[in-house]
Amino acid sequence: MNREFSLGKLRKAAERLKQIPWDTTSNFNRLVAPQEILDYLAMLGGVKPVYILGRGFDDPLWIRGIRGLSVDLGLFVLDGLPWEPLAIEGPLPLWYREYLRRLELQHVVSYIARLEPVAEEVFPFSQSGHATEADEARLLGYPECCVRAYHATLRKINEAEFGIALRDSGGHPEKLRTRLKEGFVIEARNEEEARALEPNWVLGPFTSVFLCESCQAAENSPGRRLSDRMDRFLAKVDPPLHGILTRIIAESPAYGPKSPC
């Protein structure tokens, strides 16, 4: 059965979401929990089709609480593999790509949807662990340009990590494979390598999507329009939570440089 959520039901769900426990001693958790609540509410309200549980914010108390709430609300919860686009040709050897994928698969991921047709569409992706960038963007309610840019940046980071790790292993792939099994730490030696490993990600305000350069630059871009829509949605559903997230956005460098007062 597909549930419809009126404004009143959304507000009741927001109160239940805010009662779900999580580790409050973690500064990361304190910064991301309000956005996670908004993302879940946006799924309930039809702003986005799917909410992903356990990717990014993987606090076990939160995961347990969201799963329980989702069952109570009659939602569709699909446990599966984290998504990635199908592998494309690149400089990374196959064994290293497989190593990166094994790291991804260590995370527990659930896809939560309000509508049965959406859940049916998500199911094969959840089982294969692969979704096209277009499907990922549509199902998560993100701009496709930002999703493409995100995966392109991840590929560049992986290539930089491999280059640094191979160099620090004397250029010997077999030595690197052995060191990775032992927990080898990849570290930058200079500013250029540091920038390659940690690019300038910019989150869209009131979203969990990193904005591509075009969306960062233009006020009327798909990414900016999504931010505005999520902003208005939360202000209507839960003004106190909107105030909390507004303060986080104003203070956190994750949302890019701030305009001078």
Protein backbone atom coordinates (compact mmCIF):
# COMPACT_ATOMS: atom_id res chain seq x y z
CA MET A 1 0.00 0.00 0.00
CA ASN A 2 1.24 3.48 -0.89
CA ARG A 3 0.96 5.96 1.95
CA GLU A 4 0.18 9.65 1.42
CA PHE A 5 1.63 12.12 3.90
CA SER A 6 -0.28 15.32 4.57
CA LEU A 7 1.44 18.28 6.19
CA GLY A 8 0.14 17.12 9.57
CA LYS A 9 1.50 13.60 9.07
CA LEU A 10 4.84 15.00 7.91
CA ARG A 11 5.09 17.07 11.07
CA LYS A 12 4.32 14.04 13.24
CA ALA A 13 6.97 12.07 11.34
CA ALA A 14 9.46 14.91 11.91
CA GLU A 15 8.89 14.70 15.66
CA ARG A 16 9.47 10.96 15.62
CA LEU A 17 12.61 11.40 13.54
CA LYS A 18 14.00 13.89 16.03
CA GLN A 19 13.49 11.36 18.82
CA ILE A 20 15.65 8.70 17.16
CA PRO A 21 18.90 8.44 19.15
CA TRP A 22 22.40 8.74 17.70
CA ASP A 23 25.87 9.36 19.10
CA THR A 24 25.75 13.05 20.04
CA THR A 25 29.43 13.12 21.05
CA SER A 26 30.39 13.00 17.36
CA ASN A 27 30.70 16.44 15.78
CA PHE A 28 30.15 14.88 12.36
CA ASN A 29 26.86 13.40 13.56
CA ARG A 30 25.71 16.74 14.95
CA LEU A 31 26.35 18.37 11.57
CA VAL A 32 24.72 15.75 9.35
CA ALA A 33 21.79 14.44 11.42
CA PRO A 34 19.52 17.46 10.68
CA GLN A 35 20.12 17.01 6.93
CA GLU A 36 19.39 13.28 7.21
CA ILE A 37 16.06 14.09 8.84
CA LEU A 38 15.28 16.50 6.01
CA ASP A 39 16.21 13.91 3.36
CA TYR A 40 13.88 11.36 4.96
CA LEU A 41 11.05 13.88 5.21
CA ALA A 42 11.61 14.84 1.56
CA MET A 43 11.11 11.19 0.61
CA LEU A 44 7.89 11.06 2.62
CA GLY A 45 6.71 14.31 1.07
CA GLY A 46 7.44 13.29 -2.50
CA VAL A 47 10.29 15.76 -3.01
CA LYS A 48 12.66 12.85 -3.66
CA PRO A 49 11.74 9.24 -4.51
CA VAL A 50 14.30 7.34 -2.41
CA TYR A 51 16.14 7.81 0.87
CA ILE A 52 19.41 5.92 1.35
CA LEU A 53 20.12 4.68 4.87
CA GLY A 54 23.66 3.85 5.99
CA ARG A 55 25.71 5.74 3.44
CA GLY A 56 27.56 8.70 4.90
CA PHE A 57 25.67 8.82 8.19
CA ASP A 58 26.06 5.25 9.44
CA ASP A 59 25.42 5.65 13.17
CA PRO A 60 24.01 2.22 14.28
CA LEU A 61 21.41 3.75 16.60
CA TRP A 62 20.12 5.96 13.78
CA ILE A 63 20.01 3.03 11.35
CA ARG A 64 18.04 0.91 13.81
CA GLY A 65 15.62 3.74 14.53
CA ILE A 66 15.00 4.59 10.88
CA ARG A 67 14.36 0.97 9.98
CA GLY A 68 11.83 0.67 12.79
CA LEU A 69 10.09 3.93 11.88
CA SER A 70 9.95 2.97 8.21
CA VAL A 71 8.21 -0.31 9.05
CA ASP A 72 5.74 1.55 11.28
CA LEU A 73 4.96 3.98 8.45
CA GLY A 74 4.37 1.20 5.94
CA LEU A 75 7.31 2.10 3.71
CA PHE A 76 9.34 -0.16 1.44
CA VAL A 77 12.79 -0.99 2.83
CA LEU A 78 15.23 -2.72 0.47
CA ASP A 79 18.56 -3.94 1.80
CA GLY A 80 21.23 -4.14 -0.85
CA LEU A 81 24.55 -3.08 -2.26
CA PRO A 82 25.79 0.52 -2.44
CA TRP A 83 25.40 1.93 -5.94
CA GLU A 84 28.17 2.77 -8.32
CA PRO A 85 28.11 3.35 -12.10
CA LEU A 86 29.25 0.51 -14.32
CA ALA A 87 33.04 0.49 -14.62
CA ILE A 88 34.47 2.57 -17.44
CA GLU A 89 37.88 2.38 -19.05
CA GLY A 90 40.58 4.18 -17.13
CA PRO A 91 44.15 3.98 -15.88
CA LEU A 92 43.38 1.93 -12.77
CA PRO A 93 44.13 -1.79 -13.00
CA LEU A 94 41.24 -4.20 -12.49
CA TRP A 95 42.61 -5.58 -9.21
CA TYR A 96 42.70 -2.10 -7.67
CA ARG A 97 39.14 -1.31 -8.80
CA GLU A 98 38.04 -4.58 -7.21
CA TYR A 99 39.87 -3.60 -4.01
CA LEU A 100 37.98 -0.26 -3.90
CA ARG A 101 34.68 -2.04 -4.49
CA ARG A 102 35.33 -4.45 -1.62
CA LEU A 103 35.81 -1.46 0.67
CA GLU A 104 32.44 -0.06 -0.47
CA LEU A 105 30.67 -3.34 0.11
CA GLN A 106 31.62 -3.33 3.79
CA HIS A 107 28.86 -0.76 4.42
CA VAL A 108 25.28 -1.72 5.16
CA VAL A 109 22.90 0.15 2.85
CA SER A 110 19.10 0.26 2.70
CA TYR A 111 16.93 1.99 0.12
CA ILE A 112 13.66 3.34 1.50
CA ALA A 113 10.75 4.40 -0.69
CA ARG A 114 7.16 5.48 -0.10
CA LEU A 115 5.76 4.28 -3.44
CA GLU A 116 5.63 0.64 -4.53
CA PRO A 117 6.51 1.37 -8.20
CA VAL A 118 9.62 3.20 -7.03
CA ALA A 119 10.61 0.27 -4.80
CA GLU A 120 10.12 -2.12 -7.73
CA GLU A 121 12.38 0.04 -9.88
CA VAL A 122 15.05 0.29 -7.17
CA PHE A 123 15.13 -3.45 -6.43
CA PRO A 124 17.34 -4.62 -9.34
CA PHE A 125 19.77 -1.77 -8.72
CA SER A 126 19.98 -2.66 -5.03
CA GLN A 127 20.84 -6.26 -5.91
CA SER A 128 23.41 -5.53 -8.61
CA GLY A 129 25.02 -2.54 -6.89
CA HIS A 130 25.08 -0.70 -10.22
CA ALA A 131 22.91 2.17 -11.41
CA THR A 132 23.48 4.59 -14.24
CA GLU A 133 24.19 8.16 -13.25
CA ALA A 134 20.86 9.15 -14.81
CA ASP A 135 18.96 6.58 -12.73
CA GLU A 136 20.82 7.53 -9.56
CA ALA A 137 20.03 11.21 -10.09
CA ARG A 138 16.35 10.58 -10.81
CA LEU A 139 15.76 8.18 -7.90
CA LEU A 140 17.59 10.32 -5.34
CA GLY A 141 16.11 13.56 -6.65
CA TYR A 142 19.50 15.05 -7.56
CA PRO A 143 20.58 17.01 -10.66
CA GLU A 144 22.18 14.62 -13.14
CA CYS A 145 24.97 17.10 -13.84
CA CYS A 146 25.97 17.03 -10.17
CA VAL A 147 25.86 13.23 -9.99
CA ARG A 148 28.07 12.95 -13.09
CA ALA A 149 30.54 15.46 -11.65
CA TYR A 150 30.57 13.62 -8.30
CA HIS A 151 31.51 10.30 -9.86
CA ALA A 152 34.09 11.93 -12.13
CA THR A 153 35.72 13.51 -9.09
CA LEU A 154 35.71 10.21 -7.22
CA ARG A 155 37.49 8.57 -10.15
CA LYS A 156 40.15 11.30 -10.08
CA ILE A 157 40.64 10.82 -6.33
CA ASN A 158 41.01 7.07 -6.79
CA GLU A 159 43.55 7.60 -9.55
CA ALA A 160 45.53 10.03 -7.37
CA GLU A 161 45.48 7.61 -4.44
CA PHE A 162 46.69 4.77 -6.63
CA GLY A 163 49.51 6.86 -8.09
CA ILE A 164 50.72 7.95 -4.66
CA ALA A 165 50.42 4.45 -3.19
CA LEU A 166 52.25 2.86 -6.12
CA ARG A 167 55.05 5.41 -5.87
CA ASP A 168 55.39 4.79 -2.12
CA SER A 169 55.61 1.07 -2.89
CA GLY A 170 58.62 1.60 -5.13
CA GLY A 171 56.52 1.28 -8.29
CA HIS A 172 55.89 -2.41 -7.62
CA PRO A 173 52.20 -3.42 -7.94
CA GLU A 174 52.66 -6.68 -6.02
CA LYS A 175 54.25 -4.84 -3.11
CA LEU A 176 51.35 -2.38 -3.10
CA ARG A 177 48.81 -5.23 -3.06
CA THR A 178 50.53 -6.71 -0.03
CA ARG A 179 50.68 -3.36 1.77
CA LEU A 180 46.98 -2.69 1.12
CA LYS A 181 46.07 -5.99 2.77
CA GLU A 182 48.05 -4.86 5.82
CA GLY A 183 46.20 -1.55 6.10
CA PHE A 184 48.53 0.74 4.15
CA VAL A 185 47.75 4.46 4.66
CA ILE A 186 47.88 6.69 1.58
CA GLU A 187 49.32 10.12 2.44
CA ALA A 188 50.07 13.23 0.40
CA ARG A 189 53.63 14.53 0.30
CA ASN A 190 52.90 18.04 -0.94
CA GLU A 191 50.11 20.56 -1.45
CA GLU A 192 49.37 19.40 -4.99
CA GLU A 193 48.82 15.82 -3.84
CA ALA A 194 46.73 17.03 -0.90
CA ARG A 195 44.41 18.92 -3.28
CA ALA A 196 44.13 15.82 -5.47
CA LEU A 197 43.12 13.67 -2.50
CA GLU A 198 40.75 16.23 -0.97
CA PRO A 199 39.13 18.36 -3.69
CA ASN A 200 36.93 21.33 -2.91
CA TRP A 201 33.56 19.64 -2.45
CA VAL A 202 30.65 22.08 -2.11
CA LEU A 203 27.36 20.84 -0.69
CA GLY A 204 24.11 22.32 -1.93
CA PRO A 205 22.38 24.00 1.04
CA PHE A 206 19.55 21.87 2.45
CA THR A 207 20.68 18.91 0.29
CA SER A 208 23.08 15.98 0.47
CA VAL A 209 24.37 16.51 -3.06
CA PHE A 210 27.72 18.03 -4.00
CA LEU A 211 27.18 20.78 -6.55
CA CYS A 212 29.00 20.62 -9.87
CA GLU A 213 30.92 23.74 -10.92
CA SER A 214 28.10 24.93 -13.18
CA CYS A 215 25.52 24.66 -10.41
CA GLN A 216 27.84 26.45 -7.99
CA ALA A 217 28.28 29.35 -10.41
CA ALA A 218 24.68 29.96 -11.51
CA GLU A 219 21.85 31.02 -9.20
CA ASN A 220 19.17 29.46 -11.42
CA SER A 221 20.98 26.15 -11.89
CA PRO A 222 19.43 22.72 -11.21
CA GLY A 223 21.43 22.38 -8.01
CA ARG A 224 20.43 25.81 -6.72
CA ARG A 225 16.79 25.20 -7.58
CA LEU A 226 16.88 21.94 -5.63
CA SER A 227 18.38 23.78 -2.64
CA ASP A 228 15.60 26.37 -2.78
CA ARG A 229 12.92 23.67 -2.98
CA MET A 230 14.32 21.76 0.00
CA ASP A 231 14.69 25.02 1.91
CA ARG A 232 11.02 25.93 1.39
CA PHE A 233 9.86 22.38 2.13
CA LEU A 234 11.62 22.22 5.49
CA ALA A 235 10.54 25.74 6.48
CA LYS A 236 6.93 24.64 5.98
CA VAL A 237 7.18 21.22 7.65
CA ASP A 238 9.45 21.94 10.63
CA PRO A 239 10.49 25.57 11.29
CA PRO A 240 12.66 24.73 14.35
CA LEU A 241 14.64 22.13 12.40
CA HIS A 242 14.89 24.61 9.53
CA GLY A 243 16.51 27.08 11.92
CA ILE A 244 19.03 24.49 13.11
CA LEU A 245 20.02 23.54 9.58
CA THR A 246 20.19 27.19 8.52
CA ARG A 247 22.76 27.84 11.26
CA ILE A 248 24.79 24.79 10.25
CA ILE A 249 24.82 25.93 6.62
CA ALA A 250 25.89 29.45 7.62
CA GLU A 251 28.77 28.21 9.77
CA SER A 252 30.06 25.13 7.92
CA PRO A 253 32.72 25.43 5.17
CA ALA A 254 31.17 22.35 3.53
CA TYR A 255 28.70 24.63 1.77
CA GLY A 256 31.39 26.75 0.12
CA PRO A 257 32.62 30.29 0.72
CA LYS A 258 30.14 32.62 2.38
CA SER A 259 29.13 36.02 1.01
CA PRO A 260 30.51 38.94 3.03
CA CYS A 261 28.01 40.58 5.35
